[in-house]
Each structure stands twice: as structure tokens, then as C-alpha cells.
N, C-alpha and C. Protein backbone atom coordinates (compact mmCIF):
# COMPACT_ATOMS: atom_id res chain seq x y z
N VAL A 1 11.07 -19.61 -17.75
CA VAL A 1 10.11 -20.35 -18.45
C VAL A 1 10.24 -21.88 -17.95
N LEU A 2 8.91 -22.15 -17.65
CA LEU A 2 8.90 -23.75 -17.19
C LEU A 2 8.27 -24.60 -18.28
N LYS A 3 8.91 -25.67 -18.56
CA LYS A 3 8.27 -26.61 -19.61
C LYS A 3 8.40 -27.98 -19.12
N GLU A 4 7.39 -28.87 -19.63
CA GLU A 4 7.46 -30.28 -19.24
C GLU A 4 8.84 -30.86 -19.69
N GLY A 5 9.46 -31.58 -18.81
CA GLY A 5 10.68 -31.84 -19.01
C GLY A 5 11.14 -33.36 -19.06
N GLY A 6 10.15 -34.22 -18.87
CA GLY A 6 10.66 -35.65 -18.70
C GLY A 6 9.45 -36.61 -19.05
N GLN A 7 9.64 -37.88 -18.52
CA GLN A 7 8.63 -38.70 -18.93
C GLN A 7 7.54 -38.75 -17.67
N GLY A 8 7.96 -38.47 -16.58
CA GLY A 8 7.10 -38.59 -15.51
C GLY A 8 6.27 -37.28 -15.12
N LYS A 9 5.24 -37.38 -14.35
CA LYS A 9 4.37 -36.38 -14.03
C LYS A 9 5.18 -35.28 -13.05
N HIS A 10 6.25 -35.62 -12.49
CA HIS A 10 7.09 -34.82 -11.66
C HIS A 10 8.38 -34.25 -12.33
N ASP A 11 8.33 -33.88 -13.71
CA ASP A 11 9.42 -33.51 -14.27
C ASP A 11 9.26 -32.26 -15.13
N LEU A 12 10.00 -31.11 -14.68
CA LEU A 12 9.84 -29.91 -15.44
C LEU A 12 11.30 -29.39 -15.63
N LEU A 13 11.47 -28.50 -16.59
CA LEU A 13 12.68 -27.64 -16.95
C LEU A 13 12.40 -26.25 -16.64
N ALA A 14 13.37 -25.58 -15.94
CA ALA A 14 13.36 -24.15 -15.89
C ALA A 14 14.33 -23.56 -16.80
N ILE A 15 14.07 -22.72 -17.71
CA ILE A 15 14.96 -22.25 -18.60
C ILE A 15 14.87 -20.85 -18.65
N PRO A 16 16.04 -20.14 -18.48
CA PRO A 16 16.07 -18.75 -18.51
C PRO A 16 15.64 -18.13 -19.90
N ARG A 17 15.08 -16.98 -19.91
CA ARG A 17 14.61 -16.23 -20.92
C ARG A 17 15.82 -15.88 -21.84
N ALA A 18 16.98 -15.40 -21.16
CA ALA A 18 18.08 -15.02 -22.01
C ALA A 18 18.87 -16.32 -22.36
N ARG A 19 19.42 -16.16 -23.46
CA ARG A 19 20.25 -17.36 -24.09
C ARG A 19 21.67 -17.28 -23.29
N VAL A 20 21.86 -18.32 -22.58
CA VAL A 20 23.03 -18.81 -21.92
C VAL A 20 23.33 -20.20 -22.09
N THR A 21 24.60 -20.55 -22.26
CA THR A 21 25.05 -21.81 -22.54
C THR A 21 24.94 -22.85 -21.36
N GLY A 22 25.46 -22.29 -20.18
CA GLY A 22 25.49 -23.21 -18.94
C GLY A 22 26.25 -22.42 -17.90
N VAL A 23 26.55 -23.14 -16.87
CA VAL A 23 27.22 -22.53 -15.74
C VAL A 23 28.35 -21.76 -15.86
N GLU A 24 29.19 -22.24 -17.16
CA GLU A 24 30.33 -21.55 -17.40
C GLU A 24 30.13 -20.26 -18.11
N CYS A 25 28.90 -19.83 -18.27
CA CYS A 25 28.62 -18.67 -19.10
C CYS A 25 28.73 -17.52 -17.93
N PRO A 26 29.62 -16.47 -18.50
CA PRO A 26 29.93 -15.20 -17.57
C PRO A 26 28.57 -14.49 -17.33
N GLU A 27 27.65 -14.61 -18.03
CA GLU A 27 26.31 -13.55 -17.73
C GLU A 27 25.83 -14.15 -16.67
N ILE A 28 25.89 -15.24 -16.18
CA ILE A 28 25.12 -15.82 -14.89
C ILE A 28 25.82 -15.50 -13.63
N TRP A 29 27.19 -15.04 -13.69
CA TRP A 29 27.87 -14.73 -12.55
C TRP A 29 27.81 -13.39 -12.18
N GLY A 30 28.02 -12.91 -10.98
CA GLY A 30 28.17 -11.47 -10.61
C GLY A 30 27.14 -11.00 -9.98
N PRO A 31 26.99 -9.75 -9.41
CA PRO A 31 25.88 -9.31 -8.40
C PRO A 31 24.55 -8.87 -9.34
N LYS A 32 24.78 -8.78 -10.67
CA LYS A 32 23.49 -8.51 -11.34
C LYS A 32 22.83 -9.51 -11.96
N ALA A 33 23.46 -10.67 -11.88
CA ALA A 33 23.03 -12.09 -12.46
C ALA A 33 21.71 -12.50 -11.76
N PHE A 34 21.06 -13.03 -12.72
CA PHE A 34 19.43 -13.61 -12.17
C PHE A 34 19.88 -14.99 -11.56
N ASN A 35 19.28 -15.35 -10.34
CA ASN A 35 19.59 -16.54 -9.78
C ASN A 35 18.26 -17.51 -10.14
N LEU A 36 18.52 -18.26 -10.89
CA LEU A 36 17.42 -19.01 -11.50
C LEU A 36 16.97 -20.41 -10.40
N TRP A 37 18.14 -20.54 -9.69
CA TRP A 37 17.80 -21.79 -8.70
C TRP A 37 16.69 -21.52 -7.81
N LYS A 38 16.63 -20.39 -7.09
CA LYS A 38 15.63 -20.07 -6.25
C LYS A 38 14.20 -20.13 -6.71
N PRO A 39 13.92 -19.48 -7.86
CA PRO A 39 12.65 -19.61 -8.21
C PRO A 39 12.34 -21.07 -8.87
N ALA A 40 13.26 -21.67 -9.32
CA ALA A 40 13.09 -23.07 -9.88
C ALA A 40 12.71 -24.00 -8.53
N TRP A 41 13.29 -23.81 -7.44
CA TRP A 41 13.08 -24.65 -6.26
C TRP A 41 11.60 -24.31 -5.75
N ASP A 42 11.37 -22.90 -5.64
CA ASP A 42 10.07 -22.54 -5.30
C ASP A 42 8.96 -23.15 -6.00
N GLU A 43 9.15 -23.06 -7.45
CA GLU A 43 7.96 -23.70 -8.25
C GLU A 43 7.93 -25.03 -8.15
N ALA A 44 9.01 -25.73 -8.13
CA ALA A 44 8.82 -27.45 -7.84
C ALA A 44 8.31 -27.74 -6.71
N SER A 45 8.67 -27.00 -5.55
CA SER A 45 8.05 -27.30 -4.30
C SER A 45 6.50 -27.00 -4.16
N LYS A 46 6.13 -25.84 -5.03
CA LYS A 46 4.72 -25.60 -5.09
C LYS A 46 3.90 -26.55 -5.98
N ARG A 47 4.56 -27.17 -7.12
CA ARG A 47 3.84 -27.93 -7.99
C ARG A 47 3.80 -29.48 -7.52
N PHE A 48 4.87 -29.79 -6.55
CA PHE A 48 4.93 -31.12 -6.41
C PHE A 48 4.80 -31.15 -4.68
N PRO A 49 3.71 -30.83 -4.26
CA PRO A 49 3.54 -30.75 -2.62
C PRO A 49 3.60 -32.26 -2.05
N GLY A 50 4.43 -32.32 -1.03
CA GLY A 50 4.57 -33.58 -0.25
C GLY A 50 5.47 -34.53 -1.11
N ILE A 51 6.10 -34.02 -1.98
CA ILE A 51 7.02 -34.93 -2.81
C ILE A 51 8.51 -34.23 -2.49
N ASP A 52 9.49 -35.20 -2.26
CA ASP A 52 10.89 -34.68 -2.19
C ASP A 52 11.22 -34.16 -3.62
N VAL A 53 11.96 -32.94 -3.61
CA VAL A 53 12.37 -32.24 -4.95
C VAL A 53 13.75 -32.35 -5.23
N MET A 54 14.23 -32.53 -6.35
CA MET A 54 15.95 -32.39 -6.65
C MET A 54 15.81 -31.50 -7.88
N LEU A 55 16.89 -30.76 -7.78
CA LEU A 55 17.34 -29.92 -8.84
C LEU A 55 18.50 -30.29 -9.46
N GLY A 56 18.74 -30.17 -10.80
CA GLY A 56 20.05 -30.45 -11.33
C GLY A 56 20.31 -29.97 -12.56
N ILE A 57 21.42 -30.12 -13.13
CA ILE A 57 21.85 -29.46 -14.57
C ILE A 57 22.66 -30.53 -15.14
N ASN A 58 22.84 -30.53 -16.43
CA ASN A 58 23.69 -31.53 -17.06
C ASN A 58 25.22 -30.79 -17.04
N SER A 59 26.09 -31.70 -17.03
CA SER A 59 27.47 -31.22 -17.11
C SER A 59 27.70 -30.74 -18.52
N PHE A 60 28.84 -30.04 -18.58
CA PHE A 60 29.35 -29.54 -19.89
C PHE A 60 29.39 -30.55 -20.95
N HIS A 61 30.08 -31.58 -20.53
CA HIS A 61 30.27 -32.74 -21.51
C HIS A 61 29.09 -33.78 -21.74
N GLY A 62 28.24 -33.42 -20.76
CA GLY A 62 26.93 -34.41 -20.79
C GLY A 62 25.52 -33.74 -21.49
N ARG A 63 25.74 -32.52 -21.82
CA ARG A 63 24.68 -31.90 -22.42
C ARG A 63 24.55 -31.97 -23.92
N LYS A 64 23.33 -31.83 -24.49
CA LYS A 64 23.17 -31.90 -25.87
C LYS A 64 22.60 -30.53 -26.44
N GLN A 65 21.89 -29.90 -25.54
CA GLN A 65 21.33 -28.47 -25.94
C GLN A 65 22.52 -27.43 -25.43
N ASP A 66 22.40 -26.35 -26.28
CA ASP A 66 23.38 -25.33 -26.10
C ASP A 66 22.60 -24.25 -25.18
N GLN A 67 21.76 -24.57 -24.34
CA GLN A 67 20.95 -23.67 -23.56
C GLN A 67 20.90 -24.16 -22.06
N LEU A 68 21.32 -23.54 -21.07
CA LEU A 68 21.25 -23.65 -19.85
C LEU A 68 19.61 -23.96 -19.33
N HIS A 69 19.52 -25.06 -18.69
CA HIS A 69 18.22 -25.30 -17.99
C HIS A 69 18.40 -26.23 -16.86
N ILE A 70 17.47 -26.03 -15.94
CA ILE A 70 17.71 -26.71 -14.68
C ILE A 70 16.51 -27.72 -14.78
N HIS A 71 16.71 -29.00 -14.46
CA HIS A 71 15.89 -30.13 -14.33
C HIS A 71 15.27 -30.02 -12.82
N LEU A 72 13.98 -30.03 -12.68
CA LEU A 72 13.09 -30.16 -11.57
C LEU A 72 12.42 -31.45 -11.41
N THR A 73 12.74 -32.26 -10.55
CA THR A 73 12.27 -33.55 -10.41
C THR A 73 11.73 -33.86 -9.00
N GLY A 74 10.55 -34.40 -8.93
CA GLY A 74 9.99 -34.92 -7.74
C GLY A 74 10.29 -36.33 -7.62
N PHE A 75 10.68 -36.93 -6.46
CA PHE A 75 10.92 -38.34 -6.31
C PHE A 75 10.41 -38.79 -4.99
N GLN A 76 10.04 -40.05 -4.92
CA GLN A 76 9.39 -40.73 -3.82
C GLN A 76 10.36 -41.76 -3.16
């Protein structure tokens, strides 16, 4: 799922449909795990043509939500 994720026009959040807390969650590791990074990168590159793209996640101690999400940000 993609949602508007920030104050700028080049900010989105990629959120898995399954409830996972973060990169420490065992459900996102292993051969059957869904790789959210690739579709997030592809979508950011498509939505922000000609703009450099950066992906990131909040650290365990820095997060406020209990749901993994990837920040997709375009910067110039």
C-alpha cells in the first residue's frame, strides 16, 4: 500500500498489507518473505522521474508506529 508520507510532493510511504512491526520481525525474513524494497524503489522511480530517490526506515528506537513502513523520498 502506498500513502502520502510527508510534507513534500515527493514523499510516500510503502506499507505492507500484512502487519509486521519492523525489520526485526521474523515474518519478513526467509525465502518466502515478500521483498517490499524492490516494489517501493520501482514505484518511487516511476512517480518521481528525473529526481534522485532515497528509501529508508525508522530505527527500532526511533519509530512511533508499530508497523513497518518504508519512506520513499525524492530529493534534488
